[in-house]
Amino acid sequence: MEQIQGGLDVGGGNGAGARTTKEKKGKREKPTGRKDGGEGQEAVVNVNALKKGMPKAIKLEKDLADARSDASNFYKKFAKECGLNTAQLKRAAKAYADEDAEAQRRKAEQMSLIFEECGA
């Protein structure tokens, strides 16, 4: 069993009960790659690329989790200070960040009109 940086086991065993290879009558076969293109052919698994890229992928996932946690804490505090709904603050910030504010503004205006005309 090989290990890559960060202690992740790659290949050569079933790990924590997970099957990493197909088994046929005691024989082990290599796992199949993802299907690419319109022909649906399986990609060749490049273990060296897997070992090389996995540490960065793990770091990015950890960084994303930290960023999500920081953002969540910020938005809770921000919403309390502003007196506005957290989800709406997130939606507005995302609209500005994605440069989609005008489209979101039109949707909000339409929703407001619906509630004014149909609501109590």
PDB file of N, CA and C in Angstrom:
ATOM      1  N   MET A   1       0.849  -1.170   0.000  1.00  0.00           N
ATOM      2  CA  MET A   1       0.000   0.000   0.000  1.00  0.00           C
ATOM      3  C   MET A   1       0.891   1.227   0.000  1.00  0.00           C
ATOM      4  N   GLU A   2       0.585   2.186  -0.874  1.00  0.00           N
ATOM      5  CA  GLU A   2       1.380   3.396  -0.975  1.00  0.00           C
ATOM      6  C   GLU A   2       0.674   4.526  -0.265  1.00  0.00           C
ATOM      7  N   GLN A   3       1.473   5.450   0.255  1.00  0.00           N
ATOM      8  CA  GLN A   3       0.899   6.630   0.901  1.00  0.00           C
ATOM      9  C   GLN A   3       1.409   7.870   0.198  1.00  0.00           C
ATOM     10  N   ILE A   4       0.538   8.848   0.080  1.00  0.00           N
ATOM     11  CA  ILE A   4       0.955  10.131  -0.454  1.00  0.00           C
ATOM     12  C   ILE A   4       0.977  11.116   0.697  1.00  0.00           C
ATOM     13  N   GLN A   5       1.547  12.277   0.464  1.00  0.00           N
ATOM     14  CA  GLN A   5       1.652  13.296   1.486  1.00  0.00           C
ATOM     15  C   GLN A   5       0.314  13.529   2.156  1.00  0.00           C
ATOM     16  N   GLY A   6       0.328  13.622   3.460  1.00  0.00           N
ATOM     17  CA  GLY A   6      -0.910  13.809   4.204  1.00  0.00           C
ATOM     18  C   GLY A   6      -1.436  12.482   4.743  1.00  0.00           C
ATOM     19  N   GLY A   7      -0.750  11.369   4.465  1.00  0.00           N
ATOM     20  CA  GLY A   7      -1.114  10.081   5.013  1.00  0.00           C
ATOM     21  C   GLY A   7      -2.243   9.378   4.301  1.00  0.00           C
ATOM     22  N   LEU A   8      -2.603   9.805   3.114  1.00  0.00           N
ATOM     23  CA  LEU A   8      -3.687   9.185   2.381  1.00  0.00           C
ATOM     24  C   LEU A   8      -3.177   7.926   1.701  1.00  0.00           C
ATOM     25  N   ASP A   9      -3.863   6.810   1.915  1.00  0.00           N
ATOM     26  CA  ASP A   9      -3.488   5.554   1.269  1.00  0.00           C
ATOM     27  C   ASP A   9      -4.042   5.529  -0.139  1.00  0.00           C
ATOM     28  N   VAL A  10      -3.212   5.116  -1.085  1.00  0.00           N
ATOM     29  CA  VAL A  10      -3.639   5.032  -2.468  1.00  0.00           C
ATOM     30  C   VAL A  10      -3.357   3.625  -2.967  1.00  0.00           C
ATOM     31  N   GLY A  11      -4.429   2.946  -3.356  1.00  0.00           N
ATOM     32  CA  GLY A  11      -4.293   1.637  -3.998  1.00  0.00           C
ATOM     33  C   GLY A  11      -3.814   0.551  -3.058  1.00  0.00           C
ATOM     34  N   GLY A  12      -3.801  -0.668  -3.583  1.00  0.00           N
ATOM     35  CA  GLY A  12      -3.216  -1.803  -2.901  1.00  0.00           C
ATOM     36  C   GLY A  12      -4.015  -2.346  -1.738  1.00  0.00           C
ATOM     37  N   GLY A  13      -5.237  -1.976  -1.554  1.00  0.00           N
ATOM     38  CA  GLY A  13      -5.991  -2.529  -0.445  1.00  0.00           C
ATOM     39  C   GLY A  13      -7.374  -1.937  -0.390  1.00  0.00           C
ATOM     40  N   ASN A  14      -8.152  -2.491   0.509  1.00  0.00           N
ATOM     41  CA  ASN A  14      -9.526  -2.047   0.616  1.00  0.00           C
ATOM     42  C   ASN A  14      -9.711  -0.921   1.615  1.00  0.00           C
ATOM     43  N   GLY A  15      -8.653  -0.514   2.297  1.00  0.00           N
ATOM     44  CA  GLY A  15      -8.770   0.600   3.237  1.00  0.00           C
ATOM     45  C   GLY A  15      -9.749   0.282   4.333  1.00  0.00           C
ATOM     46  N   ALA A  16     -10.622   1.219   4.627  1.00  0.00           N
ATOM     47  CA  ALA A  16     -11.581   1.061   5.718  1.00  0.00           C
ATOM     48  C   ALA A  16     -12.846   0.386   5.213  1.00  0.00           C
ATOM     49  N   GLY A  17     -12.676  -0.774   4.604  1.00  0.00           N
ATOM     50  CA  GLY A  17     -13.826  -1.520   4.131  1.00  0.00           C
ATOM     51  C   GLY A  17     -14.311  -1.086   2.766  1.00  0.00           C
ATOM     52  N   ALA A  18     -13.739  -0.036   2.205  1.00  0.00           N
ATOM     53  CA  ALA A  18     -14.175   0.434   0.892  1.00  0.00           C
ATOM     54  C   ALA A  18     -13.488  -0.374  -0.193  1.00  0.00           C
ATOM     55  N   ARG A  19     -14.222  -0.698  -1.226  1.00  0.00           N
ATOM     56  CA  ARG A  19     -13.650  -1.445  -2.324  1.00  0.00           C
ATOM     57  C   ARG A  19     -12.994  -0.497  -3.300  1.00  0.00           C
ATOM     58  N   THR A  20     -11.705  -0.696  -3.559  1.00  0.00           N
ATOM     59  CA  THR A  20     -11.003   0.164  -4.500  1.00  0.00           C
ATOM     60  C   THR A  20     -10.842  -0.501  -5.851  1.00  0.00           C
ATOM     61  N   THR A  21     -11.082  -1.790  -5.920  1.00  0.00           N
ATOM     62  CA  THR A  21     -10.961  -2.503  -7.180  1.00  0.00           C
ATOM     63  C   THR A  21     -12.133  -3.445  -7.335  1.00  0.00           C
ATOM     64  N   LYS A  22     -12.377  -3.851  -8.569  1.00  0.00           N
ATOM     65  CA  LYS A  22     -13.399  -4.855  -8.815  1.00  0.00           C
ATOM     66  C   LYS A  22     -12.789  -6.235  -8.536  1.00  0.00           C
ATOM     67  N   GLU A  23     -13.612  -7.121  -8.067  1.00  0.00           N
ATOM     68  CA  GLU A  23     -13.126  -8.472  -7.825  1.00  0.00           C
ATOM     69  C   GLU A  23     -13.948  -9.459  -8.633  1.00  0.00           C
ATOM     70  N   LYS A  24     -13.244 -10.411  -9.277  1.00  0.00           N
ATOM     71  CA  LYS A  24     -13.896 -11.470 -10.014  1.00  0.00           C
ATOM     72  C   LYS A  24     -13.242 -12.783  -9.612  1.00  0.00           C
ATOM     73  N   LYS A  25     -13.997 -13.620  -8.960  1.00  0.00           N
ATOM     74  CA  LYS A  25     -13.517 -14.943  -8.573  1.00  0.00           C
ATOM     75  C   LYS A  25     -12.095 -14.898  -8.023  1.00  0.00           C
ATOM     76  N   GLY A  26     -11.857 -14.025  -7.049  1.00  0.00           N
ATOM     77  CA  GLY A  26     -10.563 -13.956  -6.403  1.00  0.00           C
ATOM     78  C   GLY A  26      -9.531 -13.121  -7.140  1.00  0.00           C
ATOM     79  N   LYS A  27      -9.814 -12.731  -8.392  1.00  0.00           N
ATOM     80  CA  LYS A  27      -8.882 -11.901  -9.137  1.00  0.00           C
ATOM     81  C   LYS A  27      -9.247 -10.437  -8.926  1.00  0.00           C
ATOM     82  N   ARG A  28      -8.248  -9.603  -8.891  1.00  0.00           N
ATOM     83  CA  ARG A  28      -8.488  -8.167  -8.745  1.00  0.00           C
ATOM     84  C   ARG A  28      -8.254  -7.489 -10.079  1.00  0.00           C
ATOM     85  N   GLU A  29      -9.171  -6.600 -10.416  1.00  0.00           N
ATOM     86  CA  GLU A  29      -9.031  -5.802 -11.625  1.00  0.00           C
ATOM     87  C   GLU A  29      -8.850  -4.355 -11.237  1.00  0.00           C
ATOM     88  N   LYS A  30      -8.218  -3.591 -12.104  1.00  0.00           N
ATOM     89  CA  LYS A  30      -8.048  -2.167 -11.844  1.00  0.00           C
ATOM     90  C   LYS A  30      -9.400  -1.478 -11.931  1.00  0.00           C
ATOM     91  N   PRO A  31      -9.584  -0.402 -11.136  1.00  0.00           N
ATOM     92  CA  PRO A  31     -10.843   0.348 -11.230  1.00  0.00           C
ATOM     93  C   PRO A  31     -10.943   1.018 -12.598  1.00  0.00           C
ATOM     94  N   THR A  32     -12.167   1.232 -13.016  1.00  0.00           N
ATOM     95  CA  THR A  32     -12.372   1.874 -14.305  1.00  0.00           C
ATOM     96  C   THR A  32     -12.331   3.384 -14.137  1.00  0.00           C
ATOM     97  N   GLY A  33     -11.868   4.058 -15.176  1.00  0.00           N
ATOM     98  CA  GLY A  33     -11.785   5.516 -15.149  1.00  0.00           C
ATOM     99  C   GLY A  33     -13.129   6.126 -15.515  1.00  0.00           C
ATOM    100  N   ARG A  34     -13.209   7.433 -15.384  1.00  0.00           N
ATOM    101  CA  ARG A  34     -14.441   8.126 -15.733  1.00  0.00           C
ATOM    102  C   ARG A  34     -14.634   8.085 -17.237  1.00  0.00           C
ATOM    103  N   LYS A  35     -15.884   8.219 -17.657  1.00  0.00           N
ATOM    104  CA  LYS A  35     -16.196   8.183 -19.086  1.00  0.00           C
ATOM    105  C   LYS A  35     -16.155   9.597 -19.624  1.00  0.00           C
ATOM    106  N   ASP A  36     -15.369   9.784 -20.685  1.00  0.00           N
ATOM    107  CA  ASP A  36     -15.221  11.092 -21.312  1.00  0.00           C
ATOM    108  C   ASP A  36     -15.731  11.051 -22.731  1.00  0.00           C
ATOM    109  N   GLY A  37     -16.108  12.214 -23.219  1.00  0.00           N
ATOM    110  CA  GLY A  37     -16.468  12.352 -24.620  1.00  0.00           C
ATOM    111  C   GLY A  37     -17.791  11.717 -24.966  1.00  0.00           C
ATOM    112  N   GLY A  38     -18.182  11.901 -26.215  1.00  0.00           N
ATOM    113  CA  GLY A  38     -19.451  11.387 -26.699  1.00  0.00           C
ATOM    114  C   GLY A  38     -19.439   9.886 -26.928  1.00  0.00           C
ATOM    115  N   GLU A  39     -18.247   9.314 -27.020  1.00  0.00           N
ATOM    116  CA  GLU A  39     -18.152   7.882 -27.289  1.00  0.00           C
ATOM    117  C   GLU A  39     -18.292   7.042 -26.026  1.00  0.00           C
ATOM    118  N   GLY A  40     -18.184   7.662 -24.868  1.00  0.00           N
ATOM    119  CA  GLY A  40     -18.365   6.955 -23.614  1.00  0.00           C
ATOM    120  C   GLY A  40     -17.231   6.010 -23.265  1.00  0.00           C
ATOM    121  N   GLN A  41     -16.049   6.249 -23.825  1.00  0.00           N
ATOM    122  CA  GLN A  41     -14.917   5.400 -23.499  1.00  0.00           C
ATOM    123  C   GLN A  41     -14.350   5.786 -22.149  1.00  0.00           C
ATOM    124  N   GLU A  42     -13.883   4.790 -21.432  1.00  0.00           N
ATOM    125  CA  GLU A  42     -13.325   5.035 -20.113  1.00  0.00           C
ATOM    126  C   GLU A  42     -11.920   5.608 -20.241  1.00  0.00           C
ATOM    127  N   ALA A  43     -11.635   6.607 -19.405  1.00  0.00           N
ATOM    128  CA  ALA A  43     -10.311   7.222 -19.394  1.00  0.00           C
ATOM    129  C   ALA A  43      -9.320   6.272 -18.742  1.00  0.00           C
ATOM    130  N   VAL A  44      -8.076   6.388 -19.130  1.00  0.00           N
ATOM    131  CA  VAL A  44      -7.011   5.605 -18.507  1.00  0.00           C
ATOM    132  C   VAL A  44      -6.669   6.293 -17.191  1.00  0.00           C
ATOM    133  N   VAL A  45      -6.642   5.528 -16.108  1.00  0.00           N
ATOM    134  CA  VAL A  45      -6.348   6.079 -14.792  1.00  0.00           C
ATOM    135  C   VAL A  45      -4.853   6.348 -14.701  1.00  0.00           C
ATOM    136  N   ASN A  46      -4.501   7.596 -14.370  1.00  0.00           N
ATOM    137  CA  ASN A  46      -3.103   7.997 -14.237  1.00  0.00           C
ATOM    138  C   ASN A  46      -2.809   8.128 -12.744  1.00  0.00           C
ATOM    139  N   VAL A  47      -2.238   7.088 -12.160  1.00  0.00           N
ATOM    140  CA  VAL A  47      -1.980   7.049 -10.717  1.00  0.00           C
ATOM    141  C   VAL A  47      -0.950   8.103 -10.323  1.00  0.00           C
ATOM    142  N   ASN A  48       0.026   8.368 -11.178  1.00  0.00           N
ATOM    143  CA  ASN A  48       1.028   9.385 -10.846  1.00  0.00           C
ATOM    144  C   ASN A  48       0.376  10.761 -10.727  1.00  0.00           C
ATOM    145  N   ALA A  49      -0.524  11.091 -11.639  1.00  0.00           N
ATOM    146  CA  ALA A  49      -1.242  12.372 -11.553  1.00  0.00           C
ATOM    147  C   ALA A  49      -2.106  12.410 -10.301  1.00  0.00           C
ATOM    148  N   LEU A  50      -2.708  11.281  -9.949  1.00  0.00           N
ATOM    149  CA  LEU A  50      -3.522  11.184  -8.734  1.00  0.00           C
ATOM    150  C   LEU A  50      -2.676  11.489  -7.503  1.00  0.00           C
ATOM    151  N   LYS A  51      -1.527  10.834  -7.404  1.00  0.00           N
ATOM    152  CA  LYS A  51      -0.643  11.028  -6.247  1.00  0.00           C
ATOM    153  C   LYS A  51      -0.102  12.451  -6.195  1.00  0.00           C
ATOM    154  N   LYS A  52       0.184  13.013  -7.355  1.00  0.00           N
ATOM    155  CA  LYS A  52       0.731  14.367  -7.414  1.00  0.00           C
ATOM    156  C   LYS A  52      -0.316  15.410  -7.034  1.00  0.00           C
ATOM    157  N   GLY A  53      -1.538  15.254  -7.505  1.00  0.00           N
ATOM    158  CA  GLY A  53      -2.563  16.253  -7.295  1.00  0.00           C
ATOM    159  C   GLY A  53      -3.350  16.139  -6.007  1.00  0.00           C
ATOM    160  N   MET A  54      -3.414  14.962  -5.410  1.00  0.00           N
ATOM    161  CA  MET A  54      -4.261  14.759  -4.229  1.00  0.00           C
ATOM    162  C   MET A  54      -3.884  15.642  -3.038  1.00  0.00           C
ATOM    163  N   PRO A  55      -2.601  15.829  -2.715  1.00  0.00           N
ATOM    164  CA  PRO A  55      -2.293  16.714  -1.578  1.00  0.00           C
ATOM    165  C   PRO A  55      -2.842  18.129  -1.768  1.00  0.00           C
ATOM    166  N   LYS A  56      -2.759  18.666  -2.988  1.00  0.00           N
ATOM    167  CA  LYS A  56      -3.292  20.009  -3.245  1.00  0.00           C
ATOM    168  C   LYS A  56      -4.808  19.997  -3.126  1.00  0.00           C
ATOM    169  N   ALA A  57      -5.458  18.950  -3.646  1.00  0.00           N
ATOM    170  CA  ALA A  57      -6.914  18.844  -3.556  1.00  0.00           C
ATOM    171  C   ALA A  57      -7.359  18.803  -2.091  1.00  0.00           C
ATOM    172  N   ILE A  58      -6.637  18.067  -1.276  1.00  0.00           N
ATOM    173  CA  ILE A  58      -6.953  17.978   0.157  1.00  0.00           C
ATOM    174  C   ILE A  58      -6.798  19.343   0.815  1.00  0.00           C
ATOM    175  N   LYS A  59      -5.691  20.052   0.502  1.00  0.00           N
ATOM    176  CA  LYS A  59      -5.461  21.382   1.069  1.00  0.00           C
ATOM    177  C   LYS A  59      -6.559  22.347   0.638  1.00  0.00           C
ATOM    178  N   LEU A  60      -6.941  22.307  -0.635  1.00  0.00           N
ATOM    179  CA  LEU A  60      -8.000  23.193  -1.120  1.00  0.00           C
ATOM    180  C   LEU A  60      -9.317  22.922  -0.405  1.00  0.00           C
ATOM    181  N   GLU A  61      -9.648  21.652  -0.189  1.00  0.00           N
ATOM    182  CA  GLU A  61     -10.886  21.313   0.521  1.00  0.00           C
ATOM    183  C   GLU A  61     -10.853  21.828   1.956  1.00  0.00           C
ATOM    184  N   LYS A  62      -9.701  21.715   2.614  1.00  0.00           N
ATOM    185  CA  LYS A  62      -9.579  22.236   3.979  1.00  0.00           C
ATOM    186  C   LYS A  62      -9.707  23.755   3.983  1.00  0.00           C
ATOM    187  N   ASP A  63      -9.060  24.416   3.002  1.00  0.00           N
ATOM    188  CA  ASP A  63      -9.148  25.869   2.901  1.00  0.00           C
ATOM    189  C   ASP A  63     -10.585  26.316   2.640  1.00  0.00           C
ATOM    190  N   LEU A  64     -11.290  25.574   1.777  1.00  0.00           N
ATOM    191  CA  LEU A  64     -12.692  25.888   1.503  1.00  0.00           C
ATOM    192  C   LEU A  64     -13.542  25.762   2.758  1.00  0.00           C
ATOM    193  N   ALA A  65     -13.310  24.711   3.517  1.00  0.00           N
ATOM    194  CA  ALA A  65     -14.074  24.511   4.751  1.00  0.00           C
ATOM    195  C   ALA A  65     -13.819  25.662   5.722  1.00  0.00           C
ATOM    196  N   ASP A  66     -12.553  26.087   5.830  1.00  0.00           N
ATOM    197  CA  ASP A  66     -12.219  27.216   6.711  1.00  0.00           C
ATOM    198  C   ASP A  66     -12.876  28.498   6.220  1.00  0.00           C
ATOM    199  N   ALA A  67     -12.829  28.719   4.899  1.00  0.00           N
ATOM    200  CA  ALA A  67     -13.424  29.932   4.329  1.00  0.00           C
ATOM    201  C   ALA A  67     -14.935  29.936   4.541  1.00  0.00           C
ATOM    202  N   ARG A  68     -15.582  28.774   4.377  1.00  0.00           N
ATOM    203  CA  ARG A  68     -17.034  28.696   4.604  1.00  0.00           C
ATOM    204  C   ARG A  68     -17.374  29.033   6.050  1.00  0.00           C
ATOM    205  N   SER A  69     -16.568  28.519   6.962  1.00  0.00           N
ATOM    206  CA  SER A  69     -16.793  28.777   8.380  1.00  0.00           C
ATOM    207  C   SER A  69     -16.605  30.265   8.693  1.00  0.00           C
ATOM    208  N   ASP A  70     -15.533  30.852   8.152  1.00  0.00           N
ATOM    209  CA  ASP A  70     -15.290  32.284   8.359  1.00  0.00           C
ATOM    210  C   ASP A  70     -16.429  33.119   7.772  1.00  0.00           C
ATOM    211  N   ALA A  71     -16.875  32.758   6.563  1.00  0.00           N
ATOM    212  CA  ALA A  71     -17.965  33.496   5.912  1.00  0.00           C
ATOM    213  C   ALA A  71     -19.250  33.386   6.729  1.00  0.00           C
ATOM    214  N   SER A  72     -19.532  32.184   7.217  1.00  0.00           N
ATOM    215  CA  SER A  72     -20.740  31.975   8.011  1.00  0.00           C
ATOM    216  C   SER A  72     -20.725  32.852   9.264  1.00  0.00           C
ATOM    217  N   ASN A  73     -19.593  32.854   9.946  1.00  0.00           N
ATOM    218  CA  ASN A  73     -19.475  33.682  11.155  1.00  0.00           C
ATOM    219  C   ASN A  73     -19.618  35.163  10.824  1.00  0.00           C
ATOM    220  N   PHE A  74     -18.996  35.592   9.715  1.00  0.00           N
ATOM    221  CA  PHE A  74     -19.103  36.989   9.304  1.00  0.00           C
ATOM    222  C   PHE A  74     -20.545  37.365   9.008  1.00  0.00           C
ATOM    223  N   TYR A  75     -21.236  36.536   8.207  1.00  0.00           N
ATOM    224  CA  TYR A  75     -22.605  36.873   7.808  1.00  0.00           C
ATOM    225  C   TYR A  75     -23.551  36.923   9.003  1.00  0.00           C
ATOM    226  N   LYS A  76     -23.350  36.053   9.988  1.00  0.00           N
ATOM    227  CA  LYS A  76     -24.190  36.093  11.186  1.00  0.00           C
ATOM    228  C   LYS A  76     -24.022  37.424  11.915  1.00  0.00           C
ATOM    229  N   LYS A  77     -22.765  37.836  12.067  1.00  0.00           N
ATOM    230  CA  LYS A  77     -22.479  39.099  12.738  1.00  0.00           C
ATOM    231  C   LYS A  77     -22.993  40.276  11.904  1.00  0.00           C
ATOM    232  N   PHE A  78     -22.729  40.228  10.606  1.00  0.00           N
ATOM    233  CA  PHE A  78     -23.147  41.274   9.668  1.00  0.00           C
ATOM    234  C   PHE A  78     -24.664  41.437   9.687  1.00  0.00           C
ATOM    235  N   ALA A  79     -25.402  40.335   9.642  1.00  0.00           N
ATOM    236  CA  ALA A  79     -26.862  40.365   9.637  1.00  0.00           C
ATOM    237  C   ALA A  79     -27.391  40.973  10.937  1.00  0.00           C
ATOM    238  N   LYS A  80     -26.766  40.609  12.038  1.00  0.00           N
ATOM    239  CA  LYS A  80     -27.198  41.150  13.331  1.00  0.00           C
ATOM    240  C   LYS A  80     -26.975  42.657  13.380  1.00  0.00           C
ATOM    241  N   GLU A  81     -25.824  43.117  12.871  1.00  0.00           N
ATOM    242  CA  GLU A  81     -25.516  44.549  12.861  1.00  0.00           C
ATOM    243  C   GLU A  81     -26.463  45.324  11.945  1.00  0.00           C
ATOM    244  N   CYS A  82     -26.780  44.728  10.779  1.00  0.00           N
ATOM    245  CA  CYS A  82     -27.625  45.411   9.790  1.00  0.00           C
ATOM    246  C   CYS A  82     -29.108  45.289  10.091  1.00  0.00           C
ATOM    247  N   GLY A  83     -29.468  44.243  10.809  1.00  0.00           N
ATOM    248  CA  GLY A  83     -30.875  43.982  11.050  1.00  0.00           C
ATOM    249  C   GLY A  83     -31.559  43.368   9.836  1.00  0.00           C
ATOM    250  N   LEU A  84     -30.785  42.690   8.999  1.00  0.00           N
ATOM    251  CA  LEU A  84     -31.314  42.058   7.786  1.00  0.00           C
ATOM    252  C   LEU A  84     -31.111  40.548   7.852  1.00  0.00           C
ATOM    253  N   ASN A  85     -31.788  39.866   6.952  1.00  0.00           N
ATOM    254  CA  ASN A  85     -31.717  38.416   6.873  1.00  0.00           C
ATOM    255  C   ASN A  85     -30.363  37.979   6.309  1.00  0.00           C
ATOM    256  N   THR A  86     -29.731  36.995   6.950  1.00  0.00           N
ATOM    257  CA  THR A  86     -28.421  36.485   6.533  1.00  0.00           C
ATOM    258  C   THR A  86     -28.435  35.993   5.092  1.00  0.00           C
ATOM    259  N   ALA A  87     -29.453  35.219   4.730  1.00  0.00           N
ATOM    260  CA  ALA A  87     -29.523  34.650   3.388  1.00  0.00           C
ATOM    261  C   ALA A  87     -29.604  35.739   2.324  1.00  0.00           C
ATOM    262  N   GLN A  88     -30.330  36.812   2.627  1.00  0.00           N
ATOM    263  CA  GLN A  88     -30.452  37.898   1.654  1.00  0.00           C
ATOM    264  C   GLN A  88     -29.142  38.670   1.509  1.00  0.00           C
ATOM    265  N   LEU A  89     -28.432  38.838   2.608  1.00  0.00           N
ATOM    266  CA  LEU A  89     -27.119  39.486   2.528  1.00  0.00           C
ATOM    267  C   LEU A  89     -26.154  38.656   1.687  1.00  0.00           C
ATOM    268  N   LYS A  90     -26.177  37.342   1.889  1.00  0.00           N
ATOM    269  CA  LYS A  90     -25.319  36.444   1.091  1.00  0.00           C
ATOM    270  C   LYS A  90     -25.691  36.528  -0.380  1.00  0.00           C
ATOM    271  N   ARG A  91     -27.003  36.511  -0.658  1.00  0.00           N
ATOM    272  CA  ARG A  91     -27.473  36.553  -2.043  1.00  0.00           C
ATOM    273  C   ARG A  91     -27.044  37.851  -2.718  1.00  0.00           C
ATOM    274  N   ALA A  92     -27.159  38.969  -2.004  1.00  0.00           N
ATOM    275  CA  ALA A  92     -26.767  40.259  -2.567  1.00  0.00           C
ATOM    276  C   ALA A  92     -25.258  40.313  -2.813  1.00  0.00           C
ATOM    277  N   ALA A  93     -24.478  39.858  -1.847  1.00  0.00           N
ATOM    278  CA  ALA A  93     -23.019  39.862  -2.006  1.00  0.00           C
ATOM    279  C   ALA A  93     -22.601  38.976  -3.179  1.00  0.00           C
ATOM    280  N   LYS A  94     -23.256  37.831  -3.321  1.00  0.00           N
ATOM    281  CA  LYS A  94     -22.940  36.935  -4.438  1.00  0.00           C
ATOM    282  C   LYS A  94     -23.313  37.583  -5.759  1.00  0.00           C
ATOM    283  N   ALA A  95     -24.440  38.258  -5.814  1.00  0.00           N
ATOM    284  CA  ALA A  95     -24.865  38.935  -7.040  1.00  0.00           C
ATOM    285  C   ALA A  95     -23.842  39.997  -7.451  1.00  0.00           C
ATOM    286  N   TYR A  96     -23.367  40.787  -6.480  1.00  0.00           N
ATOM    287  CA  TYR A  96     -22.359  41.799  -6.801  1.00  0.00           C
ATOM    288  C   TYR A  96     -21.038  41.145  -7.204  1.00  0.00           C
ATOM    289  N   ALA A  97     -20.644  40.092  -6.504  1.00  0.00           N
ATOM    290  CA  ALA A  97     -19.386  39.409  -6.817  1.00  0.00           C
ATOM    291  C   ALA A  97     -19.425  38.771  -8.195  1.00  0.00           C
ATOM    292  N   ASP A  98     -20.582  38.231  -8.572  1.00  0.00           N
ATOM    293  CA  ASP A  98     -20.730  37.583  -9.881  1.00  0.00           C
ATOM    294  C   ASP A  98     -21.098  38.579 -10.984  1.00  0.00           C
ATOM    295  N   GLU A  99     -21.170  39.859 -10.612  1.00  0.00           N
ATOM    296  CA  GLU A  99     -21.582  40.915 -11.544  1.00  0.00           C
ATOM    297  C   GLU A  99     -22.937  40.596 -12.174  1.00  0.00           C
ATOM    298  N   ASP A 100     -23.855  40.137 -11.310  1.00  0.00           N
ATOM    299  CA  ASP A 100     -25.198  39.751 -11.728  1.00  0.00           C
ATOM    300  C   ASP A 100     -26.245  40.555 -10.953  1.00  0.00           C
ATOM    301  N   ALA A 101     -25.832  41.697 -10.430  1.00  0.00           N
ATOM    302  CA  ALA A 101     -26.713  42.470  -9.552  1.00  0.00           C
ATOM    303  C   ALA A 101     -27.971  42.956 -10.269  1.00  0.00           C
ATOM    304  N   GLU A 102     -27.844  43.377 -11.509  1.00  0.00           N
ATOM    305  CA  GLU A 102     -29.012  43.911 -12.216  1.00  0.00           C
ATOM    306  C   GLU A 102     -30.078  42.844 -12.415  1.00  0.00           C
ATOM    307  N   ALA A 103     -29.678  41.648 -12.793  1.00  0.00           N
ATOM    308  CA  ALA A 103     -30.640  40.556 -12.979  1.00  0.00           C
ATOM    309  C   ALA A 103     -31.302  40.202 -11.649  1.00  0.00           C
ATOM    310  N   GLN A 104     -30.535  40.193 -10.578  1.00  0.00           N
ATOM    311  CA  GLN A 104     -31.095  39.883  -9.260  1.00  0.00           C
ATOM    312  C   GLN A 104     -32.031  40.995  -8.802  1.00  0.00           C
ATOM    313  N   ARG A 105     -31.712  42.247  -9.138  1.00  0.00           N
ATOM    314  CA  ARG A 105     -32.565  43.365  -8.778  1.00  0.00           C
ATOM    315  C   ARG A 105     -33.930  43.228  -9.473  1.00  0.00           C
ATOM    316  N   ARG A 106     -33.921  42.847 -10.756  1.00  0.00           N
ATOM    317  CA  ARG A 106     -35.182  42.656 -11.494  1.00  0.00           C
ATOM    318  C   ARG A 106     -36.012  41.542 -10.855  1.00  0.00           C
ATOM    319  N   LYS A 107     -35.363  40.451 -10.468  1.00  0.00           N
ATOM    320  CA  LYS A 107     -36.094  39.355  -9.822  1.00  0.00           C
ATOM    321  C   LYS A 107     -36.710  39.820  -8.503  1.00  0.00           C
ATOM    322  N   ALA A 108     -35.952  40.593  -7.744  1.00  0.00           N
ATOM    323  CA  ALA A 108     -36.458  41.098  -6.462  1.00  0.00           C
ATOM    324  C   ALA A 108     -37.647  42.037  -6.669  1.00  0.00           C
ATOM    325  N   GLU A 109     -37.556  42.894  -7.695  1.00  0.00           N
ATOM    326  CA  GLU A 109     -38.665  43.804  -7.993  1.00  0.00           C
ATOM    327  C   GLU A 109     -39.920  43.026  -8.392  1.00  0.00           C
ATOM    328  N   GLN A 110     -39.741  41.977  -9.193  1.00  0.00           N
ATOM    329  CA  GLN A 110     -40.884  41.160  -9.600  1.00  0.00           C
ATOM    330  C   GLN A 110     -41.492  40.451  -8.394  1.00  0.00           C
ATOM    331  N   MET A 111     -40.643  39.936  -7.524  1.00  0.00           N
ATOM    332  CA  MET A 111     -41.143  39.260  -6.329  1.00  0.00           C
ATOM    333  C   MET A 111     -41.893  40.251  -5.439  1.00  0.00           C
ATOM    334  N   SER A 112     -41.372  41.447  -5.304  1.00  0.00           N
ATOM    335  CA  SER A 112     -42.043  42.485  -4.519  1.00  0.00           C
ATOM    336  C   SER A 112     -43.414  42.809  -5.103  1.00  0.00           C
ATOM    337  N   LEU A 113     -43.477  42.946  -6.418  1.00  0.00           N
ATOM    338  CA  LEU A 113     -44.747  43.228  -7.092  1.00  0.00           C
ATOM    339  C   LEU A 113     -45.747  42.102  -6.839  1.00  0.00           C
ATOM    340  N   ILE A 114     -45.304  40.872  -6.931  1.00  0.00           N
ATOM    341  CA  ILE A 114     -46.189  39.722  -6.684  1.00  0.00           C
ATOM    342  C   ILE A 114     -46.769  39.800  -5.287  1.00  0.00           C
ATOM    343  N   PHE A 115     -45.914  40.064  -4.292  1.00  0.00           N
ATOM    344  CA  PHE A 115     -46.405  40.133  -2.911  1.00  0.00           C
ATOM    345  C   PHE A 115     -47.329  41.331  -2.690  1.00  0.00           C
ATOM    346  N   GLU A 116     -47.037  42.439  -3.337  1.00  0.00           N
ATOM    347  CA  GLU A 116     -47.899  43.620  -3.196  1.00  0.00           C
ATOM    348  C   GLU A 116     -49.272  43.370  -3.810  1.00  0.00           C
ATOM    349  N   GLU A 117     -49.296  42.767  -4.976  1.00  0.00           N
ATOM    350  CA  GLU A 117     -50.547  42.569  -5.683  1.00  0.00           C
ATOM    351  C   GLU A 117     -51.359  41.363  -5.174  1.00  0.00           C
ATOM    352  N   CYS A 118     -50.676  40.346  -4.724  1.00  0.00           N
ATOM    353  CA  CYS A 118     -51.375  39.098  -4.355  1.00  0.00           C
ATOM    354  C   CYS A 118     -51.394  38.832  -2.855  1.00  0.00           C
ATOM    355  N   GLY A 119     -50.499  39.454  -2.140  1.00  0.00           N
ATOM    356  CA  GLY A 119     -50.393  39.177  -0.714  1.00  0.00           C
ATOM    357  C   GLY A 119     -51.331  40.002   0.117  1.00  0.00           C
ATOM    358  N   ALA A 120     -51.328  39.686   1.387  1.00  0.00           N
ATOM    359  CA  ALA A 120     -52.211  40.409   2.316  1.00  0.00           C
ATOM    360  C   ALA A 120     -51.531  41.613   2.879  1.00  0.00           C
TER     361      ALA A 120
END
